[in-house]
All heavy atoms as atom14 arrays in JSON, in Angstrom:
{
  "sequence": "EELWNVSTSVQEHQEKQKTQWGSVNQSVMAAKRSIDTVMRSI",
  "atom14_mask": [
    [1, 1, 1, 1, 1, 1, 1, 1, 1, 0, 0, 0, 0, 0],
    [1, 1, 1, 1, 1, 1, 1, 1, 1, 0, 0, 0, 0, 0],
    [1, 1, 1, 1, 1, 1, 1, 1, 0, 0, 0, 0, 0, 0],
    [1, 1, 1, 1, 1, 1, 1, 1, 1, 1, 1, 1, 1, 1],
    [1, 1, 1, 1, 1, 1, 1, 1, 0, 0, 0, 0, 0, 0],
    [1, 1, 1, 1, 1, 1, 1, 0, 0, 0, 0, 0, 0, 0],
    [1, 1, 1, 1, 1, 1, 0, 0, 0, 0, 0, 0, 0, 0],
    [1, 1, 1, 1, 1, 1, 1, 0, 0, 0, 0, 0, 0, 0],
    [1, 1, 1, 1, 1, 1, 0, 0, 0, 0, 0, 0, 0, 0],
    [1, 1, 1, 1, 1, 1, 1, 0, 0, 0, 0, 0, 0, 0],
    [1, 1, 1, 1, 1, 1, 1, 1, 1, 0, 0, 0, 0, 0],
    [1, 1, 1, 1, 1, 1, 1, 1, 1, 0, 0, 0, 0, 0],
    [1, 1, 1, 1, 1, 1, 1, 1, 1, 1, 0, 0, 0, 0],
    [1, 1, 1, 1, 1, 1, 1, 1, 1, 0, 0, 0, 0, 0],
    [1, 1, 1, 1, 1, 1, 1, 1, 1, 0, 0, 0, 0, 0],
    [1, 1, 1, 1, 1, 1, 1, 1, 1, 0, 0, 0, 0, 0],
    [1, 1, 1, 1, 1, 1, 1, 1, 1, 0, 0, 0, 0, 0],
    [1, 1, 1, 1, 1, 1, 1, 1, 1, 0, 0, 0, 0, 0],
    [1, 1, 1, 1, 1, 1, 1, 0, 0, 0, 0, 0, 0, 0],
    [1, 1, 1, 1, 1, 1, 1, 1, 1, 0, 0, 0, 0, 0],
    [1, 1, 1, 1, 1, 1, 1, 1, 1, 1, 1, 1, 1, 1],
    [1, 1, 1, 1, 0, 0, 0, 0, 0, 0, 0, 0, 0, 0],
    [1, 1, 1, 1, 1, 1, 0, 0, 0, 0, 0, 0, 0, 0],
    [1, 1, 1, 1, 1, 1, 1, 0, 0, 0, 0, 0, 0, 0],
    [1, 1, 1, 1, 1, 1, 1, 1, 0, 0, 0, 0, 0, 0],
    [1, 1, 1, 1, 1, 1, 1, 1, 1, 0, 0, 0, 0, 0],
    [1, 1, 1, 1, 1, 1, 0, 0, 0, 0, 0, 0, 0, 0],
    [1, 1, 1, 1, 1, 1, 1, 0, 0, 0, 0, 0, 0, 0],
    [1, 1, 1, 1, 1, 1, 1, 1, 0, 0, 0, 0, 0, 0],
    [1, 1, 1, 1, 1, 0, 0, 0, 0, 0, 0, 0, 0, 0],
    [1, 1, 1, 1, 1, 0, 0, 0, 0, 0, 0, 0, 0, 0],
    [1, 1, 1, 1, 1, 1, 1, 1, 1, 0, 0, 0, 0, 0],
    [1, 1, 1, 1, 1, 1, 1, 1, 1, 1, 1, 0, 0, 0],
    [1, 1, 1, 1, 1, 1, 0, 0, 0, 0, 0, 0, 0, 0],
    [1, 1, 1, 1, 1, 1, 1, 1, 0, 0, 0, 0, 0, 0],
    [1, 1, 1, 1, 1, 1, 1, 1, 0, 0, 0, 0, 0, 0],
    [1, 1, 1, 1, 1, 1, 1, 0, 0, 0, 0, 0, 0, 0],
    [1, 1, 1, 1, 1, 1, 1, 0, 0, 0, 0, 0, 0, 0],
    [1, 1, 1, 1, 1, 1, 1, 1, 0, 0, 0, 0, 0, 0],
    [1, 1, 1, 1, 1, 1, 1, 1, 1, 1, 1, 0, 0, 0],
    [1, 1, 1, 1, 1, 1, 0, 0, 0, 0, 0, 0, 0, 0],
    [1, 1, 1, 1, 1, 1, 1, 1, 0, 0, 0, 0, 0, 0]
  ],
  "atom14_positions": [
    [[21.43, -19.1, 12.88], [21.57, -18.28, 11.68], [20.56, -18.7, 10.61], [19.91, -17.86, 9.99], [22.99, -18.4, 11.14], [23.29, -17.46, 9.99], [24.74, -17.53, 9.57], [25.61, -17.71, 10.43], [24.99, -17.42, 8.35], [0.0, 0.0, 0.0], [0.0, 0.0, 0.0], [0.0, 0.0, 0.0], [0.0, 0.0, 0.0], [0.0, 0.0, 0.0]],
    [[20.41, -20.03, 10.42], [19.44, -20.51, 9.44], [18.02, -20.14, 9.85], [17.2, -19.75, 9.01], [19.56, -22.03, 9.3], [20.83, -22.47, 8.59], [20.98, -23.98, 8.55], [20.07, -24.69, 9.02], [22.0, -24.44, 8.04], [0.0, 0.0, 0.0], [0.0, 0.0, 0.0], [0.0, 0.0, 0.0], [0.0, 0.0, 0.0], [0.0, 0.0, 0.0]],
    [[17.73, -20.25, 11.12], [16.41, -19.88, 11.61], [16.16, -18.39, 11.4], [15.05, -17.98, 11.04], [16.3, -20.24, 13.09], [14.92, -20.27, 13.7], [14.04, -21.28, 12.97], [15.0, -20.62, 15.17], [0.0, 0.0, 0.0], [0.0, 0.0, 0.0], [0.0, 0.0, 0.0], [0.0, 0.0, 0.0], [0.0, 0.0, 0.0], [0.0, 0.0, 0.0]],
    [[17.17, -17.57, 11.61], [17.05, -16.14, 11.39], [16.76, -15.86, 9.91], [15.9, -15.03, 9.58], [18.33, -15.43, 11.84], [18.26, -13.96, 11.67], [18.78, -13.22, 10.67], [17.59, -13.04, 12.54], [18.49, -11.89, 10.85], [17.77, -11.75, 12.0], [16.89, -13.18, 13.72], [17.25, -10.62, 12.6], [16.38, -12.05, 14.32], [16.56, -10.78, 13.76]],
    [[17.47, -16.57, 9.01], [17.24, -16.39, 7.58], [15.81, -16.79, 7.2], [15.15, -16.11, 6.41], [18.25, -17.2, 6.77], [19.65, -16.64, 6.87], [19.85, -15.49, 7.22], [20.65, -17.47, 6.59], [0.0, 0.0, 0.0], [0.0, 0.0, 0.0], [0.0, 0.0, 0.0], [0.0, 0.0, 0.0], [0.0, 0.0, 0.0], [0.0, 0.0, 0.0]],
    [[15.34, -17.9, 7.75], [13.98, -18.35, 7.46], [12.98, -17.33, 7.97], [12.0, -17.0, 7.3], [13.73, -19.75, 8.07], [12.26, -20.1, 8.05], [14.54, -20.8, 7.33], [0.0, 0.0, 0.0], [0.0, 0.0, 0.0], [0.0, 0.0, 0.0], [0.0, 0.0, 0.0], [0.0, 0.0, 0.0], [0.0, 0.0, 0.0], [0.0, 0.0, 0.0]],
    [[13.23, -16.81, 9.17], [12.32, -15.82, 9.74], [12.28, -14.57, 8.88], [11.19, -14.03, 8.61], [12.79, -15.48, 11.17], [12.01, -14.45, 11.7], [0.0, 0.0, 0.0], [0.0, 0.0, 0.0], [0.0, 0.0, 0.0], [0.0, 0.0, 0.0], [0.0, 0.0, 0.0], [0.0, 0.0, 0.0], [0.0, 0.0, 0.0], [0.0, 0.0, 0.0]],
    [[13.42, -14.12, 8.41], [13.47, -12.94, 7.54], [12.73, -13.22, 6.24], [11.97, -12.37, 5.75], [14.93, -12.56, 7.25], [15.61, -12.37, 8.49], [15.04, -11.31, 6.43], [0.0, 0.0, 0.0], [0.0, 0.0, 0.0], [0.0, 0.0, 0.0], [0.0, 0.0, 0.0], [0.0, 0.0, 0.0], [0.0, 0.0, 0.0], [0.0, 0.0, 0.0]],
    [[12.94, -14.4, 5.68], [12.27, -14.77, 4.43], [10.75, -14.81, 4.63], [10.0, -14.33, 3.77], [12.78, -16.14, 3.97], [12.08, -16.58, 2.84], [0.0, 0.0, 0.0], [0.0, 0.0, 0.0], [0.0, 0.0, 0.0], [0.0, 0.0, 0.0], [0.0, 0.0, 0.0], [0.0, 0.0, 0.0], [0.0, 0.0, 0.0], [0.0, 0.0, 0.0]],
    [[10.32, -15.35, 5.74], [8.88, -15.41, 6.02], [8.31, -14.0, 6.13], [7.23, -13.71, 5.62], [8.61, -16.24, 7.29], [7.2, -16.04, 7.8], [8.86, -17.71, 7.02], [0.0, 0.0, 0.0], [0.0, 0.0, 0.0], [0.0, 0.0, 0.0], [0.0, 0.0, 0.0], [0.0, 0.0, 0.0], [0.0, 0.0, 0.0], [0.0, 0.0, 0.0]],
    [[9.04, -13.11, 6.8], [8.56, -11.73, 6.93], [8.46, -11.06, 5.56], [7.49, -10.34, 5.28], [9.49, -10.93, 7.84], [9.32, -11.23, 9.3], [10.29, -10.44, 10.18], [11.3, -9.94, 9.71], [9.97, -10.34, 11.46], [0.0, 0.0, 0.0], [0.0, 0.0, 0.0], [0.0, 0.0, 0.0], [0.0, 0.0, 0.0], [0.0, 0.0, 0.0]],
    [[9.45, -11.29, 4.7], [9.4, -10.7, 3.36], [8.19, -11.23, 2.58], [7.49, -10.47, 1.91], [10.7, -11.01, 2.61], [11.89, -10.27, 3.12], [13.19, -10.71, 2.47], [13.16, -11.63, 1.61], [14.25, -10.16, 2.83], [0.0, 0.0, 0.0], [0.0, 0.0, 0.0], [0.0, 0.0, 0.0], [0.0, 0.0, 0.0], [0.0, 0.0, 0.0]],
    [[7.97, -12.55, 2.68], [6.82, -13.12, 1.97], [5.51, -12.59, 2.52], [4.56, -12.36, 1.76], [6.86, -14.65, 2.04], [7.89, -15.27, 1.16], [7.85, -15.19, -0.21], [9.01, -15.98, 1.45], [8.88, -15.81, -0.73], [9.61, -16.3, 0.26], [0.0, 0.0, 0.0], [0.0, 0.0, 0.0], [0.0, 0.0, 0.0], [0.0, 0.0, 0.0]],
    [[5.44, -12.39, 3.82], [4.23, -11.84, 4.42], [3.98, -10.42, 3.91], [2.84, -10.04, 3.62], [4.31, -11.86, 5.95], [4.1, -13.22, 6.55], [4.27, -13.23, 8.06], [4.85, -12.32, 8.64], [3.77, -14.28, 8.69], [0.0, 0.0, 0.0], [0.0, 0.0, 0.0], [0.0, 0.0, 0.0], [0.0, 0.0, 0.0], [0.0, 0.0, 0.0]],
    [[5.06, -9.62, 3.81], [4.9, -8.26, 3.31], [4.45, -8.27, 1.84], [3.58, -7.48, 1.45], [6.22, -7.49, 3.48], [6.54, -7.16, 4.93], [7.9, -6.51, 5.1], [8.52, -6.13, 4.08], [8.34, -6.39, 6.25], [0.0, 0.0, 0.0], [0.0, 0.0, 0.0], [0.0, 0.0, 0.0], [0.0, 0.0, 0.0], [0.0, 0.0, 0.0]],
    [[5.06, -9.16, 1.03], [4.65, -9.28, -0.38], [3.18, -9.69, -0.47], [2.42, -9.13, -1.26], [5.5, -10.32, -1.11], [6.85, -9.84, -1.53], [7.57, -10.94, -2.29], [8.97, -10.51, -2.68], [9.68, -11.6, -3.39], [0.0, 0.0, 0.0], [0.0, 0.0, 0.0], [0.0, 0.0, 0.0], [0.0, 0.0, 0.0], [0.0, 0.0, 0.0]],
    [[2.81, -10.65, 0.35], [1.43, -11.13, 0.33], [0.47, -10.01, 0.75], [-0.6, -9.85, 0.15], [1.3, -12.33, 1.28], [0.0, -13.08, 1.16], [-0.03, -14.29, 2.06], [0.64, -14.34, 3.08], [-0.83, -15.27, 1.68], [0.0, 0.0, 0.0], [0.0, 0.0, 0.0], [0.0, 0.0, 0.0], [0.0, 0.0, 0.0], [0.0, 0.0, 0.0]],
    [[0.88, -9.23, 1.73], [0.04, -8.11, 2.17], [-0.14, -7.11, 1.03], [-1.26, -6.62, 0.78], [0.72, -7.44, 3.37], [-0.15, -6.58, 4.21], [0.64, -6.09, 5.41], [-0.23, -5.45, 6.44], [0.53, -4.97, 7.59], [0.0, 0.0, 0.0], [0.0, 0.0, 0.0], [0.0, 0.0, 0.0], [0.0, 0.0, 0.0], [0.0, 0.0, 0.0]],
    [[0.95, -6.81, 0.33], [0.89, -5.88, -0.8], [0.0, -6.45, -1.91], [-0.84, -5.73, -2.48], [2.3, -5.61, -1.35], [3.13, -5.15, -0.29], [2.3, -4.59, -2.46], [0.0, 0.0, 0.0], [0.0, 0.0, 0.0], [0.0, 0.0, 0.0], [0.0, 0.0, 0.0], [0.0, 0.0, 0.0], [0.0, 0.0, 0.0], [0.0, 0.0, 0.0]],
    [[0.18, -7.73, -2.21], [-0.62, -8.35, -3.27], [-2.1, -8.38, -2.88], [-2.96, -8.14, -3.73], [-0.11, -9.76, -3.56], [1.23, -9.76, -4.27], [1.83, -11.15, -4.39], [1.35, -12.11, -3.81], [2.9, -11.26, -5.17], [0.0, 0.0, 0.0], [0.0, 0.0, 0.0], [0.0, 0.0, 0.0], [0.0, 0.0, 0.0], [0.0, 0.0, 0.0]],
    [[-2.4, -8.67, -1.63], [-3.8, -8.67, -1.21], [-4.38, -7.27, -1.29], [-5.56, -7.09, -1.61], [-3.96, -9.23, 0.21], [-4.03, -10.72, 0.24], [-3.1, -11.56, 0.74], [-5.07, -11.53, -0.28], [-3.5, -12.86, 0.58], [-4.72, -12.87, -0.06], [-6.27, -11.27, -0.93], [-5.5, -13.93, -0.44], [-7.06, -12.34, -1.32], [-6.68, -13.65, -1.07]],
    [[-3.54, -6.26, -1.02], [-4.01, -4.88, -1.17], [-4.38, -4.57, -2.6], [-5.43, -3.96, -2.88], [0.0, 0.0, 0.0], [0.0, 0.0, 0.0], [0.0, 0.0, 0.0], [0.0, 0.0, 0.0], [0.0, 0.0, 0.0], [0.0, 0.0, 0.0], [0.0, 0.0, 0.0], [0.0, 0.0, 0.0], [0.0, 0.0, 0.0], [0.0, 0.0, 0.0]],
    [[-3.51, -5.0, -3.56], [-3.82, -4.75, -4.98], [-5.04, -5.58, -5.42], [-5.86, -5.1, -6.21], [-2.61, -5.05, -5.86], [-2.29, -6.42, -5.81], [0.0, 0.0, 0.0], [0.0, 0.0, 0.0], [0.0, 0.0, 0.0], [0.0, 0.0, 0.0], [0.0, 0.0, 0.0], [0.0, 0.0, 0.0], [0.0, 0.0, 0.0], [0.0, 0.0, 0.0]],
    [[-5.16, -6.8, -4.92], [-6.34, -7.61, -5.25], [-7.6, -6.93, -4.71], [-8.63, -6.87, -5.4], [-6.2, -9.05, -4.68], [-7.52, -9.79, -4.7], [-5.14, -9.82, -5.44], [0.0, 0.0, 0.0], [0.0, 0.0, 0.0], [0.0, 0.0, 0.0], [0.0, 0.0, 0.0], [0.0, 0.0, 0.0], [0.0, 0.0, 0.0], [0.0, 0.0, 0.0]],
    [[-7.52, -6.4, -3.51], [-8.66, -5.71, -2.91], [-9.05, -4.49, -3.74], [-10.24, -4.23, -3.97], [-8.33, -5.33, -1.47], [-9.55, -4.94, -0.67], [-10.67, -5.24, -1.06], [-9.33, -4.26, 0.44], [0.0, 0.0, 0.0], [0.0, 0.0, 0.0], [0.0, 0.0, 0.0], [0.0, 0.0, 0.0], [0.0, 0.0, 0.0], [0.0, 0.0, 0.0]],
    [[-8.04, -3.74, -4.2], [-8.32, -2.57, -5.04], [-8.98, -3.01, -6.35], [-9.94, -2.36, -6.82], [-7.04, -1.8, -5.33], [-6.49, -1.05, -4.14], [-5.15, -0.39, -4.46], [-4.54, -0.64, -5.49], [-4.7, 0.44, -3.53], [0.0, 0.0, 0.0], [0.0, 0.0, 0.0], [0.0, 0.0, 0.0], [0.0, 0.0, 0.0], [0.0, 0.0, 0.0]],
    [[-8.49, -4.11, -6.95], [-9.08, -4.61, -8.2], [-10.52, -5.04, -7.98], [-11.4, -4.77, -8.81], [-8.28, -5.79, -8.74], [-6.96, -5.39, -9.05], [0.0, 0.0, 0.0], [0.0, 0.0, 0.0], [0.0, 0.0, 0.0], [0.0, 0.0, 0.0], [0.0, 0.0, 0.0], [0.0, 0.0, 0.0], [0.0, 0.0, 0.0], [0.0, 0.0, 0.0]],
    [[-10.78, -5.68, -6.86], [-12.14, -6.1, -6.56], [-13.05, -4.89, -6.39], [-14.19, -4.87, -6.89], [-12.16, -7.0, -5.29], [-13.56, -7.19, -4.76], [-11.52, -8.34, -5.59], [0.0, 0.0, 0.0], [0.0, 0.0, 0.0], [0.0, 0.0, 0.0], [0.0, 0.0, 0.0], [0.0, 0.0, 0.0], [0.0, 0.0, 0.0], [0.0, 0.0, 0.0]],
    [[-12.56, -3.86, -5.71], [-13.36, -2.64, -5.52], [-13.65, -1.97, -6.86], [-14.77, -1.51, -7.12], [-12.64, -1.67, -4.57], [-12.5, -2.18, -3.15], [-14.06, -2.59, -2.38], [-14.66, -0.97, -2.02], [0.0, 0.0, 0.0], [0.0, 0.0, 0.0], [0.0, 0.0, 0.0], [0.0, 0.0, 0.0], [0.0, 0.0, 0.0], [0.0, 0.0, 0.0]],
    [[-12.64, -1.93, -7.75], [-12.84, -1.33, -9.07], [-13.86, -2.15, -9.87], [-14.73, -1.58, -10.56], [-11.51, -1.26, -9.83], [0.0, 0.0, 0.0], [0.0, 0.0, 0.0], [0.0, 0.0, 0.0], [0.0, 0.0, 0.0], [0.0, 0.0, 0.0], [0.0, 0.0, 0.0], [0.0, 0.0, 0.0], [0.0, 0.0, 0.0], [0.0, 0.0, 0.0]],
    [[-13.78, -3.48, -9.77], [-14.74, -4.33, -10.48], [-16.15, -4.11, -9.94], [-17.12, -4.07, -10.71], [-14.34, -5.8, -10.34], [0.0, 0.0, 0.0], [0.0, 0.0, 0.0], [0.0, 0.0, 0.0], [0.0, 0.0, 0.0], [0.0, 0.0, 0.0], [0.0, 0.0, 0.0], [0.0, 0.0, 0.0], [0.0, 0.0, 0.0], [0.0, 0.0, 0.0]],
    [[-16.27, -3.93, -8.64], [-17.59, -3.67, -8.05], [-18.15, -2.35, -8.58], [-19.34, -2.25, -8.9], [-17.49, -3.6, -6.52], [-17.45, -4.94, -5.85], [-17.45, -4.78, -4.33], [-17.41, -6.12, -3.62], [-17.41, -5.97, -2.17], [0.0, 0.0, 0.0], [0.0, 0.0, 0.0], [0.0, 0.0, 0.0], [0.0, 0.0, 0.0], [0.0, 0.0, 0.0]],
    [[-17.29, -1.33, -8.67], [-17.76, -0.03, -9.2], [-18.22, -0.18, -10.65], [-19.24, 0.37, -11.05], [-16.66, 1.02, -9.07], [-16.48, 1.54, -7.66], [-15.52, 2.72, -7.66], [-14.17, 2.28, -8.0], [-13.18, 2.17, -7.13], [-13.36, 2.51, -5.87], [-12.01, 1.74, -7.5], [0.0, 0.0, 0.0], [0.0, 0.0, 0.0], [0.0, 0.0, 0.0]],
    [[-17.44, -0.95, -11.45], [-17.81, -1.16, -12.86], [-19.14, -1.91, -12.94], [-20.01, -1.56, -13.77], [-16.74, -1.97, -13.59], [-15.53, -1.26, -13.61], [0.0, 0.0, 0.0], [0.0, 0.0, 0.0], [0.0, 0.0, 0.0], [0.0, 0.0, 0.0], [0.0, 0.0, 0.0], [0.0, 0.0, 0.0], [0.0, 0.0, 0.0], [0.0, 0.0, 0.0]],
    [[-19.31, -2.9, -12.11], [-20.56, -3.66, -12.11], [-21.72, -2.75, -11.71], [-22.81, -2.81, -12.32], [-20.45, -4.89, -11.17], [-19.49, -5.92, -11.78], [-21.8, -5.51, -10.91], [-19.15, -7.07, -10.86], [0.0, 0.0, 0.0], [0.0, 0.0, 0.0], [0.0, 0.0, 0.0], [0.0, 0.0, 0.0], [0.0, 0.0, 0.0], [0.0, 0.0, 0.0]],
    [[-21.48, -1.89, -10.72], [-22.54, -0.95, -10.31], [-22.91, -0.02, -11.46], [-24.09, 0.27, -11.71], [-22.1, -0.14, -9.09], [-22.07, -0.97, -7.82], [-22.69, -2.07, -7.8], [-21.42, -0.54, -6.83], [0.0, 0.0, 0.0], [0.0, 0.0, 0.0], [0.0, 0.0, 0.0], [0.0, 0.0, 0.0], [0.0, 0.0, 0.0], [0.0, 0.0, 0.0]],
    [[-21.89, 0.48, -12.2], [-22.15, 1.36, -13.34], [-22.97, 0.63, -14.4], [-23.94, 1.18, -14.95], [-20.81, 1.86, -13.93], [-20.06, 2.46, -12.9], [-21.03, 2.84, -15.06], [0.0, 0.0, 0.0], [0.0, 0.0, 0.0], [0.0, 0.0, 0.0], [0.0, 0.0, 0.0], [0.0, 0.0, 0.0], [0.0, 0.0, 0.0], [0.0, 0.0, 0.0]],
    [[-22.59, -0.61, -14.71], [-23.31, -1.39, -15.72], [-24.74, -1.63, -15.26], [-25.7, -1.53, -16.05], [-22.56, -2.72, -16.0], [-23.41, -3.67, -16.82], [-21.25, -2.44, -16.69], [0.0, 0.0, 0.0], [0.0, 0.0, 0.0], [0.0, 0.0, 0.0], [0.0, 0.0, 0.0], [0.0, 0.0, 0.0], [0.0, 0.0, 0.0], [0.0, 0.0, 0.0]],
    [[-24.9, -1.92, -13.98], [-26.26, -2.17, -13.45], [-27.12, -0.91, -13.59], [-28.3, -1.0, -13.96], [-26.2, -2.61, -11.98], [-25.63, -4.0, -11.78], [-26.62, -5.27, -12.53], [-27.98, -5.31, -11.41], [0.0, 0.0, 0.0], [0.0, 0.0, 0.0], [0.0, 0.0, 0.0], [0.0, 0.0, 0.0], [0.0, 0.0, 0.0], [0.0, 0.0, 0.0]],
    [[-26.53, 0.26, -13.31], [-27.28, 1.5, -13.46], [-27.66, 1.72, -14.92], [-28.79, 2.13, -15.22], [-26.46, 2.68, -12.92], [-26.7, 2.92, -11.46], [-26.04, 4.21, -10.97], [-24.9, 3.79, -10.16], [-23.63, 4.07, -10.4], [-23.31, 4.85, -11.4], [-22.68, 3.61, -9.63], [0.0, 0.0, 0.0], [0.0, 0.0, 0.0], [0.0, 0.0, 0.0]],
    [[-26.71, 1.43, -15.81], [-27.01, 1.6, -17.25], [-28.13, 0.66, -17.68], [-29.02, 1.05, -18.45], [-25.77, 1.31, -18.09], [-24.75, 2.24, -17.79], [0.0, 0.0, 0.0], [0.0, 0.0, 0.0], [0.0, 0.0, 0.0], [0.0, 0.0, 0.0], [0.0, 0.0, 0.0], [0.0, 0.0, 0.0], [0.0, 0.0, 0.0], [0.0, 0.0, 0.0]],
    [[-28.09, -0.56, -17.19], [-29.14, -1.52, -17.55], [-30.49, -1.04, -17.01], [-31.51, -1.11, -17.7], [-28.78, -2.92, -17.01], [-27.63, -3.5, -17.81], [-29.98, -3.86, -17.06], [-27.09, -4.8, -17.28], [0.0, 0.0, 0.0], [0.0, 0.0, 0.0], [0.0, 0.0, 0.0], [0.0, 0.0, 0.0], [0.0, 0.0, 0.0], [0.0, 0.0, 0.0]]
  ]
}
């Protein structure tokens, strides 16, 4: 039962981490677009 709980907890953390990495990836892409815009302006 404890092992099952740990396994479930690990899966939840993996899903959270996947979601957070997705948002980090989106932020990085947005920053790249902003940098590209600034570079074009320069």
